Amino acid sequence: MSDESRKEREILMVMRKVLAQIVKDTTPEFKTMRHPLSPSTIEDIKQCFALIAARERELADAAGAVRERPYYADEKPEAEVVPLHAIERGKKEE
């Protein structure tokens, strides 16, 4: 990974964190309260998050990173681990 793409990833991460903090700070405590941001501003913030996520995905793909996806703790894994002591070896008769 080049220094340029690493710097871009850092910038995107900081932008995402700052936007998220702005959303947290401006969100009213109760749903009955009016939001201080206009609906168009809220939509623009959502589009910013989408653009940041898309660019982060592009950078990860260019770097050859494996795409991670969330999973549930009770979800069955794709591969099953078999303990070595559970494997029986063919015993030779003496």
PDB file of N, CA and C in Angstrom:
ATOM      1  N   MET A   1       0.855  -1.169   0.000  1.00  0.00           N
ATOM      2  CA  MET A   1       0.000   0.000   0.000  1.00  0.00           C
ATOM      3  C   MET A   1       0.900   1.231   0.000  1.00  0.00           C
ATOM      4  N   SER A   2       0.605   2.169  -0.880  1.00  0.00           N
ATOM      5  CA  SER A   2       1.433   3.359  -0.991  1.00  0.00           C
ATOM      6  C   SER A   2       1.122   4.347   0.126  1.00  0.00           C
ATOM      7  N   ASP A   3       2.063   5.265   0.318  1.00  0.00           N
ATOM      8  CA  ASP A   3       1.849   6.292   1.342  1.00  0.00           C
ATOM      9  C   ASP A   3       0.664   7.175   0.993  1.00  0.00           C
ATOM     10  N   GLU A   4       0.450   7.391  -0.306  1.00  0.00           N
ATOM     11  CA  GLU A   4      -0.669   8.233  -0.746  1.00  0.00           C
ATOM     12  C   GLU A   4      -2.010   7.600  -0.398  1.00  0.00           C
ATOM     13  N   SER A   5      -2.166   6.304  -0.672  1.00  0.00           N
ATOM     14  CA  SER A   5      -3.437   5.640  -0.365  1.00  0.00           C
ATOM     15  C   SER A   5      -3.624   5.498   1.145  1.00  0.00           C
ATOM     16  N   ARG A   6      -2.532   5.305   1.875  1.00  0.00           N
ATOM     17  CA  ARG A   6      -2.623   5.222   3.339  1.00  0.00           C
ATOM     18  C   ARG A   6      -3.107   6.554   3.901  1.00  0.00           C
ATOM     19  N   LYS A   7      -2.569   7.651   3.369  1.00  0.00           N
ATOM     20  CA  LYS A   7      -2.986   8.977   3.824  1.00  0.00           C
ATOM     21  C   LYS A   7      -4.451   9.220   3.481  1.00  0.00           C
ATOM     22  N   GLU A   8      -4.871   8.787   2.289  1.00  0.00           N
ATOM     23  CA  GLU A   8      -6.269   8.956   1.897  1.00  0.00           C
ATOM     24  C   GLU A   8      -7.191   8.157   2.807  1.00  0.00           C
ATOM     25  N   ARG A   9      -6.786   6.947   3.175  1.00  0.00           N
ATOM     26  CA  ARG A   9      -7.587   6.140   4.107  1.00  0.00           C
ATOM     27  C   ARG A   9      -7.714   6.829   5.460  1.00  0.00           C
ATOM     28  N   GLU A  10      -6.613   7.431   5.928  1.00  0.00           N
ATOM     29  CA  GLU A  10      -6.659   8.146   7.210  1.00  0.00           C
ATOM     30  C   GLU A  10      -7.600   9.342   7.127  1.00  0.00           C
ATOM     31  N   ILE A  11      -7.543  10.075   6.028  1.00  0.00           N
ATOM     32  CA  ILE A  11      -8.418  11.237   5.838  1.00  0.00           C
ATOM     33  C   ILE A  11      -9.877  10.797   5.831  1.00  0.00           C
ATOM     34  N   LEU A  12     -10.187   9.738   5.096  1.00  0.00           N
ATOM     35  CA  LEU A  12     -11.562   9.238   5.036  1.00  0.00           C
ATOM     36  C   LEU A  12     -12.054   8.794   6.408  1.00  0.00           C
ATOM     37  N   MET A  13     -11.178   8.138   7.170  1.00  0.00           N
ATOM     38  CA  MET A  13     -11.556   7.669   8.501  1.00  0.00           C
ATOM     39  C   MET A  13     -11.873   8.861   9.415  1.00  0.00           C
ATOM     40  N   VAL A  14     -11.044   9.890   9.368  1.00  0.00           N
ATOM     41  CA  VAL A  14     -11.280  11.071  10.202  1.00  0.00           C
ATOM     42  C   VAL A  14     -12.563  11.779   9.770  1.00  0.00           C
ATOM     43  N   MET A  15     -12.786  11.883   8.461  1.00  0.00           N
ATOM     44  CA  MET A  15     -14.010  12.526   7.970  1.00  0.00           C
ATOM     45  C   MET A  15     -15.247  11.773   8.446  1.00  0.00           C
ATOM     46  N   ARG A  16     -15.197  10.443   8.384  1.00  0.00           N
ATOM     47  CA  ARG A  16     -16.330   9.630   8.827  1.00  0.00           C
ATOM     48  C   ARG A  16     -16.589   9.828  10.328  1.00  0.00           C
ATOM     49  N   LYS A  17     -15.514   9.851  11.120  1.00  0.00           N
ATOM     50  CA  LYS A  17     -15.667  10.028  12.562  1.00  0.00           C
ATOM     51  C   LYS A  17     -16.217  11.408  12.898  1.00  0.00           C
ATOM     52  N   VAL A  18     -15.737  12.444  12.208  1.00  0.00           N
ATOM     53  CA  VAL A  18     -16.213  13.804  12.471  1.00  0.00           C
ATOM     54  C   VAL A  18     -17.683  13.939  12.097  1.00  0.00           C
ATOM     55  N   LEU A  19     -18.059  13.401  10.925  1.00  0.00           N
ATOM     56  CA  LEU A  19     -19.467  13.456  10.529  1.00  0.00           C
ATOM     57  C   LEU A  19     -20.354  12.716  11.528  1.00  0.00           C
ATOM     58  N   ALA A  20     -19.906  11.559  11.971  1.00  0.00           N
ATOM     59  CA  ALA A  20     -20.684  10.787  12.944  1.00  0.00           C
ATOM     60  C   ALA A  20     -20.831  11.558  14.251  1.00  0.00           C
ATOM     61  N   GLN A  21     -19.772  12.242  14.679  1.00  0.00           N
ATOM     62  CA  GLN A  21     -19.844  13.019  15.915  1.00  0.00           C
ATOM     63  C   GLN A  21     -20.789  14.207  15.765  1.00  0.00           C
ATOM     64  N   ILE A  22     -20.794  14.842  14.593  1.00  0.00           N
ATOM     65  CA  ILE A  22     -21.723  15.949  14.336  1.00  0.00           C
ATOM     66  C   ILE A  22     -23.161  15.447  14.420  1.00  0.00           C
ATOM     67  N   VAL A  23     -23.414  14.284  13.828  1.00  0.00           N
ATOM     68  CA  VAL A  23     -24.759  13.706  13.872  1.00  0.00           C
ATOM     69  C   VAL A  23     -25.153  13.421  15.315  1.00  0.00           C
ATOM     70  N   LYS A  24     -24.241  12.837  16.091  1.00  0.00           N
ATOM     71  CA  LYS A  24     -24.541  12.533  17.496  1.00  0.00           C
ATOM     72  C   LYS A  24     -24.819  13.805  18.292  1.00  0.00           C
ATOM     73  N   ASP A  25     -23.993  14.831  18.070  1.00  0.00           N
ATOM     74  CA  ASP A  25     -24.134  16.068  18.841  1.00  0.00           C
ATOM     75  C   ASP A  25     -25.401  16.845  18.492  1.00  0.00           C
ATOM     76  N   THR A  26     -25.870  16.727  17.264  1.00  0.00           N
ATOM     77  CA  THR A  26     -27.036  17.508  16.854  1.00  0.00           C
ATOM     78  C   THR A  26     -28.344  16.738  16.961  1.00  0.00           C
ATOM     79  N   THR A  27     -28.277  15.441  17.194  1.00  0.00           N
ATOM     80  CA  THR A  27     -29.504  14.655  17.299  1.00  0.00           C
ATOM     81  C   THR A  27     -30.206  14.984  18.612  1.00  0.00           C
ATOM     82  N   PRO A  28     -31.492  15.333  18.536  1.00  0.00           N
ATOM     83  CA  PRO A  28     -32.235  15.656  19.764  1.00  0.00           C
ATOM     84  C   PRO A  28     -32.329  14.452  20.694  1.00  0.00           C
ATOM     85  N   GLU A  29     -32.438  14.746  21.957  1.00  0.00           N
ATOM     86  CA  GLU A  29     -32.503  13.682  22.961  1.00  0.00           C
ATOM     87  C   GLU A  29     -33.783  12.858  22.829  1.00  0.00           C
ATOM     88  N   PHE A  30     -34.885  13.529  22.499  1.00  0.00           N
ATOM     89  CA  PHE A  30     -36.166  12.847  22.370  1.00  0.00           C
ATOM     90  C   PHE A  30     -36.659  12.951  20.935  1.00  0.00           C
ATOM     91  N   LYS A  31     -37.330  11.896  20.465  1.00  0.00           N
ATOM     92  CA  LYS A  31     -37.821  11.883  19.082  1.00  0.00           C
ATOM     93  C   LYS A  31     -38.908  12.922  18.837  1.00  0.00           C
ATOM     94  N   THR A  32     -39.539  13.387  19.891  1.00  0.00           N
ATOM     95  CA  THR A  32     -40.600  14.387  19.730  1.00  0.00           C
ATOM     96  C   THR A  32     -40.031  15.777  19.461  1.00  0.00           C
ATOM     97  N   MET A  33     -38.741  15.974  19.728  1.00  0.00           N
ATOM     98  CA  MET A  33     -38.108  17.266  19.488  1.00  0.00           C
ATOM     99  C   MET A  33     -37.742  17.420  18.012  1.00  0.00           C
ATOM    100  N   ARG A  34     -37.765  18.649  17.531  1.00  0.00           N
ATOM    101  CA  ARG A  34     -37.430  18.935  16.137  1.00  0.00           C
ATOM    102  C   ARG A  34     -35.909  18.876  15.967  1.00  0.00           C
ATOM    103  N   HIS A  35     -35.464  18.248  14.875  1.00  0.00           N
ATOM    104  CA  HIS A  35     -34.036  18.146  14.594  1.00  0.00           C
ATOM    105  C   HIS A  35     -33.516  19.496  14.128  1.00  0.00           C
ATOM    106  N   PRO A  36     -32.359  19.950  14.640  1.00  0.00           N
ATOM    107  CA  PRO A  36     -31.839  21.259  14.251  1.00  0.00           C
ATOM    108  C   PRO A  36     -31.346  21.330  12.803  1.00  0.00           C
ATOM    109  N   LEU A  37     -31.029  20.178  12.208  1.00  0.00           N
ATOM    110  CA  LEU A  37     -30.568  20.173  10.817  1.00  0.00           C
ATOM    111  C   LEU A  37     -31.760  20.022   9.881  1.00  0.00           C
ATOM    112  N   SER A  38     -31.660  20.667   8.732  1.00  0.00           N
ATOM    113  CA  SER A  38     -32.745  20.572   7.754  1.00  0.00           C
ATOM    114  C   SER A  38     -32.716  19.196   7.093  1.00  0.00           C
ATOM    115  N   PRO A  39     -33.858  18.772   6.542  1.00  0.00           N
ATOM    116  CA  PRO A  39     -33.882  17.466   5.864  1.00  0.00           C
ATOM    117  C   PRO A  39     -32.874  17.370   4.715  1.00  0.00           C
ATOM    118  N   SER A  40     -32.639  18.452   4.008  1.00  0.00           N
ATOM    119  CA  SER A  40     -31.664  18.408   2.907  1.00  0.00           C
ATOM    120  C   SER A  40     -30.240  18.233   3.442  1.00  0.00           C
ATOM    121  N   THR A  41     -29.945  18.853   4.587  1.00  0.00           N
ATOM    122  CA  THR A  41     -28.621  18.685   5.198  1.00  0.00           C
ATOM    123  C   THR A  41     -28.439  17.245   5.670  1.00  0.00           C
ATOM    124  N   ILE A  42     -29.472  16.672   6.249  1.00  0.00           N
ATOM    125  CA  ILE A  42     -29.414  15.277   6.698  1.00  0.00           C
ATOM    126  C   ILE A  42     -29.170  14.356   5.501  1.00  0.00           C
ATOM    127  N   GLU A  43     -29.841  14.612   4.403  1.00  0.00           N
ATOM    128  CA  GLU A  43     -29.643  13.806   3.190  1.00  0.00           C
ATOM    129  C   GLU A  43     -28.225  13.976   2.645  1.00  0.00           C
ATOM    130  N   ASP A  44     -27.689  15.201   2.695  1.00  0.00           N
ATOM    131  CA  ASP A  44     -26.314  15.439   2.241  1.00  0.00           C
ATOM    132  C   ASP A  44     -25.306  14.675   3.105  1.00  0.00           C
ATOM    133  N   ILE A  45     -25.551  14.618   4.410  1.00  0.00           N
ATOM    134  CA  ILE A  45     -24.665  13.866   5.301  1.00  0.00           C
ATOM    135  C   ILE A  45     -24.718  12.378   4.969  1.00  0.00           C
ATOM    136  N   LYS A  46     -25.909  11.861   4.692  1.00  0.00           N
ATOM    137  CA  LYS A  46     -26.037  10.450   4.300  1.00  0.00           C
ATOM    138  C   LYS A  46     -25.263  10.168   3.021  1.00  0.00           C
ATOM    139  N   GLN A  47     -25.335  11.093   2.052  1.00  0.00           N
ATOM    140  CA  GLN A  47     -24.598  10.922   0.801  1.00  0.00           C
ATOM    141  C   GLN A  47     -23.090  10.975   1.035  1.00  0.00           C
ATOM    142  N   CYS A  48     -22.656  11.823   1.970  1.00  0.00           N
ATOM    143  CA  CYS A  48     -21.227  11.879   2.320  1.00  0.00           C
ATOM    144  C   CYS A  48     -20.761  10.542   2.888  1.00  0.00           C
ATOM    145  N   PHE A  49     -21.564   9.975   3.792  1.00  0.00           N
ATOM    146  CA  PHE A  49     -21.222   8.664   4.348  1.00  0.00           C
ATOM    147  C   PHE A  49     -21.140   7.611   3.246  1.00  0.00           C
ATOM    148  N   ALA A  50     -22.067   7.657   2.297  1.00  0.00           N
ATOM    149  CA  ALA A  50     -22.062   6.684   1.194  1.00  0.00           C
ATOM    150  C   ALA A  50     -20.821   6.856   0.327  1.00  0.00           C
ATOM    151  N   LEU A  51     -20.445   8.097   0.036  1.00  0.00           N
ATOM    152  CA  LEU A  51     -19.249   8.346  -0.778  1.00  0.00           C
ATOM    153  C   LEU A  51     -17.982   7.896  -0.051  1.00  0.00           C
ATOM    154  N   ILE A  52     -17.906   8.163   1.236  1.00  0.00           N
ATOM    155  CA  ILE A  52     -16.744   7.738   2.022  1.00  0.00           C
ATOM    156  C   ILE A  52     -16.634   6.217   2.022  1.00  0.00           C
ATOM    157  N   ALA A  53     -17.765   5.544   2.228  1.00  0.00           N
ATOM    158  CA  ALA A  53     -17.759   4.073   2.246  1.00  0.00           C
ATOM    159  C   ALA A  53     -17.364   3.507   0.887  1.00  0.00           C
ATOM    160  N   ALA A  54     -17.859   4.111  -0.185  1.00  0.00           N
ATOM    161  CA  ALA A  54     -17.528   3.631  -1.529  1.00  0.00           C
ATOM    162  C   ALA A  54     -16.039   3.797  -1.815  1.00  0.00           C
ATOM    163  N   ARG A  55     -15.479   4.931  -1.434  1.00  0.00           N
ATOM    164  CA  ARG A  55     -14.046   5.162  -1.680  1.00  0.00           C
ATOM    165  C   ARG A  55     -13.191   4.242  -0.823  1.00  0.00           C
ATOM    166  N   GLU A  56     -13.601   4.010   0.432  1.00  0.00           N
ATOM    167  CA  GLU A  56     -12.857   3.078   1.280  1.00  0.00           C
ATOM    168  C   GLU A  56     -12.873   1.675   0.681  1.00  0.00           C
ATOM    169  N   ARG A  57     -14.021   1.278   0.103  1.00  0.00           N
ATOM    170  CA  ARG A  57     -14.122  -0.022  -0.555  1.00  0.00           C
ATOM    171  C   ARG A  57     -13.197  -0.087  -1.771  1.00  0.00           C
ATOM    172  N   GLU A  58     -13.148   0.993  -2.564  1.00  0.00           N
ATOM    173  CA  GLU A  58     -12.260   1.036  -3.732  1.00  0.00           C
ATOM    174  C   GLU A  58     -10.802   0.899  -3.314  1.00  0.00           C
ATOM    175  N   LEU A  59     -10.413   1.615  -2.272  1.00  0.00           N
ATOM    176  CA  LEU A  59      -9.031   1.537  -1.795  1.00  0.00           C
ATOM    177  C   LEU A  59      -8.704   0.143  -1.271  1.00  0.00           C
ATOM    178  N   ALA A  60      -9.643  -0.468  -0.568  1.00  0.00           N
ATOM    179  CA  ALA A  60      -9.422  -1.817  -0.046  1.00  0.00           C
ATOM    180  C   ALA A  60      -9.296  -2.818  -1.184  1.00  0.00           C
ATOM    181  N   ASP A  61     -10.136  -2.679  -2.213  1.00  0.00           N
ATOM    182  CA  ASP A  61     -10.056  -3.579  -3.370  1.00  0.00           C
ATOM    183  C   ASP A  61      -8.735  -3.404  -4.107  1.00  0.00           C
ATOM    184  N   ALA A  62      -8.291  -2.158  -4.250  1.00  0.00           N
ATOM    185  CA  ALA A  62      -7.028  -1.889  -4.936  1.00  0.00           C
ATOM    186  C   ALA A  62      -5.841  -2.442  -4.159  1.00  0.00           C
ATOM    187  N   ALA A  63      -5.957  -2.467  -2.829  1.00  0.00           N
ATOM    188  CA  ALA A  63      -4.885  -2.989  -1.986  1.00  0.00           C
ATOM    189  C   ALA A  63      -4.940  -4.511  -1.883  1.00  0.00           C
ATOM    190  N   GLY A  64      -6.016  -5.108  -2.404  1.00  0.00           N
ATOM    191  CA  GLY A  64      -6.154  -6.562  -2.350  1.00  0.00           C
ATOM    192  C   GLY A  64      -6.646  -7.066  -1.013  1.00  0.00           C
ATOM    193  N   ALA A  65      -7.273  -6.209  -0.248  1.00  0.00           N
ATOM    194  CA  ALA A  65      -7.783  -6.617   1.058  1.00  0.00           C
ATOM    195  C   ALA A  65      -9.005  -7.514   0.879  1.00  0.00           C
ATOM    196  N   VAL A  66      -9.133  -8.460   1.784  1.00  0.00           N
ATOM    197  CA  VAL A  66     -10.281  -9.359   1.767  1.00  0.00           C
ATOM    198  C   VAL A  66     -11.475  -8.607   2.329  1.00  0.00           C
ATOM    199  N   ARG A  67     -12.597  -8.723   1.651  1.00  0.00           N
ATOM    200  CA  ARG A  67     -13.797  -8.045   2.121  1.00  0.00           C
ATOM    201  C   ARG A  67     -14.338  -8.729   3.359  1.00  0.00           C
ATOM    202  N   GLU A  68     -14.498  -7.943   4.382  1.00  0.00           N
ATOM    203  CA  GLU A  68     -15.024  -8.485   5.630  1.00  0.00           C
ATOM    204  C   GLU A  68     -16.518  -8.229   5.698  1.00  0.00           C
ATOM    205  N   ARG A  69     -17.217  -9.173   6.272  1.00  0.00           N
ATOM    206  CA  ARG A  69     -18.645  -8.960   6.444  1.00  0.00           C
ATOM    207  C   ARG A  69     -19.004  -9.367   7.853  1.00  0.00           C
ATOM    208  N   PRO A  70     -19.933  -8.653   8.455  1.00  0.00           N
ATOM    209  CA  PRO A  70     -20.312  -8.992   9.830  1.00  0.00           C
ATOM    210  C   PRO A  70     -21.012 -10.350   9.892  1.00  0.00           C
ATOM    211  N   TYR A  71     -20.938 -10.989  11.030  1.00  0.00           N
ATOM    212  CA  TYR A  71     -21.610 -12.272  11.218  1.00  0.00           C
ATOM    213  C   TYR A  71     -22.154 -12.333  12.639  1.00  0.00           C
ATOM    214  N   TYR A  72     -23.134 -13.181  12.828  1.00  0.00           N
ATOM    215  CA  TYR A  72     -23.733 -13.373  14.138  1.00  0.00           C
ATOM    216  C   TYR A  72     -22.974 -14.458  14.883  1.00  0.00           C
ATOM    217  N   ALA A  73     -22.943 -14.356  16.195  1.00  0.00           N
ATOM    218  CA  ALA A  73     -22.211 -15.323  17.006  1.00  0.00           C
ATOM    219  C   ALA A  73     -22.795 -16.730  16.867  1.00  0.00           C
ATOM    220  N   ASP A  74     -24.108 -16.839  16.651  1.00  0.00           N
ATOM    221  CA  ASP A  74     -24.720 -18.161  16.531  1.00  0.00           C
ATOM    222  C   ASP A  74     -24.762 -18.655  15.084  1.00  0.00           C
ATOM    223  N   GLU A  75     -24.193 -17.901  14.164  1.00  0.00           N
ATOM    224  CA  GLU A  75     -24.168 -18.301  12.756  1.00  0.00           C
ATOM    225  C   GLU A  75     -23.148 -19.424  12.561  1.00  0.00           C
ATOM    226  N   LYS A  76     -23.530 -20.446  11.812  1.00  0.00           N
ATOM    227  CA  LYS A  76     -22.643 -21.580  11.594  1.00  0.00           C
ATOM    228  C   LYS A  76     -21.494 -21.146  10.679  1.00  0.00           C
ATOM    229  N   PRO A  77     -20.253 -21.422  11.081  1.00  0.00           N
ATOM    230  CA  PRO A  77     -19.111 -21.040  10.242  1.00  0.00           C
ATOM    231  C   PRO A  77     -19.069 -21.874   8.964  1.00  0.00           C
ATOM    232  N   GLU A  78     -18.425 -21.308   7.933  1.00  0.00           N
ATOM    233  CA  GLU A  78     -18.329 -22.018   6.653  1.00  0.00           C
ATOM    234  C   GLU A  78     -17.417 -23.237   6.759  1.00  0.00           C
ATOM    235  N   ALA A  79     -16.377 -23.150   7.578  1.00  0.00           N
ATOM    236  CA  ALA A  79     -15.450 -24.256   7.750  1.00  0.00           C
ATOM    237  C   ALA A  79     -15.621 -24.829   9.152  1.00  0.00           C
ATOM    238  N   GLU A  80     -15.486 -26.126   9.255  1.00  0.00           N
ATOM    239  CA  GLU A  80     -15.622 -26.771  10.559  1.00  0.00           C
ATOM    240  C   GLU A  80     -14.255 -27.259  11.012  1.00  0.00           C
ATOM    241  N   VAL A  81     -13.873 -26.899  12.221  1.00  0.00           N
ATOM    242  CA  VAL A  81     -12.589 -27.305  12.776  1.00  0.00           C
ATOM    243  C   VAL A  81     -12.741 -28.686  13.394  1.00  0.00           C
ATOM    244  N   VAL A  82     -11.852 -29.576  13.005  1.00  0.00           N
ATOM    245  CA  VAL A  82     -11.876 -30.943  13.525  1.00  0.00           C
ATOM    246  C   VAL A  82     -10.630 -31.132  14.375  1.00  0.00           C
ATOM    247  N   PRO A  83     -10.798 -31.440  15.656  1.00  0.00           N
ATOM    248  CA  PRO A  83      -9.631 -31.651  16.508  1.00  0.00           C
ATOM    249  C   PRO A  83      -8.849 -32.880  16.043  1.00  0.00           C
ATOM    250  N   LEU A  84      -7.531 -32.800  16.144  1.00  0.00           N
ATOM    251  CA  LEU A  84      -6.687 -33.896  15.679  1.00  0.00           C
ATOM    252  C   LEU A  84      -6.919 -35.180  16.457  1.00  0.00           C
ATOM    253  N   HIS A  85      -7.215 -35.076  17.742  1.00  0.00           N
ATOM    254  CA  HIS A  85      -7.422 -36.295  18.526  1.00  0.00           C
ATOM    255  C   HIS A  85      -8.722 -37.011  18.130  1.00  0.00           C
ATOM    256  N   ALA A  86      -9.582 -36.349  17.389  1.00  0.00           N
ATOM    257  CA  ALA A  86     -10.833 -36.965  16.962  1.00  0.00           C
ATOM    258  C   ALA A  86     -10.642 -37.803  15.699  1.00  0.00           C
ATOM    259  N   ILE A  87      -9.500 -37.643  15.055  1.00  0.00           N
ATOM    260  CA  ILE A  87      -9.223 -38.398  13.831  1.00  0.00           C
ATOM    261  C   ILE A  87      -8.582 -39.727  14.223  1.00  0.00           C
ATOM    262  N   GLU A  88      -9.205 -40.815  13.806  1.00  0.00           N
ATOM    263  CA  GLU A  88      -8.653 -42.126  14.113  1.00  0.00           C
ATOM    264  C   GLU A  88      -7.698 -42.535  13.011  1.00  0.00           C
ATOM    265  N   ARG A  89      -6.576 -42.988  13.434  1.00  0.00           N
ATOM    266  CA  ARG A  89      -5.606 -43.485  12.464  1.00  0.00           C
ATOM    267  C   ARG A  89      -5.848 -44.975  12.257  1.00  0.00           C
ATOM    268  N   GLY A  90      -5.539 -45.416  11.058  1.00  0.00           N
ATOM    269  CA  GLY A  90      -5.658 -46.838  10.785  1.00  0.00           C
ATOM    270  C   GLY A  90      -4.640 -47.601  11.622  1.00  0.00           C
ATOM    271  N   LYS A  91      -5.110 -48.434  12.550  1.00  0.00           N
ATOM    272  CA  LYS A  91      -4.205 -49.164  13.430  1.00  0.00           C
ATOM    273  C   LYS A  91      -3.724 -50.413  12.719  1.00  0.00           C
ATOM    274  N   LYS A  92      -2.418 -50.628  12.773  1.00  0.00           N
ATOM    275  CA  LYS A  92      -1.843 -51.825  12.176  1.00  0.00           C
ATOM    276  C   LYS A  92      -1.975 -52.974  13.172  1.00  0.00           C
ATOM    277  N   GLU A  93      -2.366 -54.091  12.641  1.00  0.00           N
ATOM    278  CA  GLU A  93      -2.474 -55.265  13.504  1.00  0.00           C
ATOM    279  C   GLU A  93      -1.111 -55.885  13.635  1.00  0.00           C
ATOM    280  N   GLU A  94      -0.689 -56.149  14.850  1.00  0.00           N
ATOM    281  CA  GLU A  94       0.628 -56.698  15.088  1.00  0.00           C
ATOM    282  C   GLU A  94       0.567 -58.168  15.306  1.00  0.00           C
TER     283      GLU A  94
END
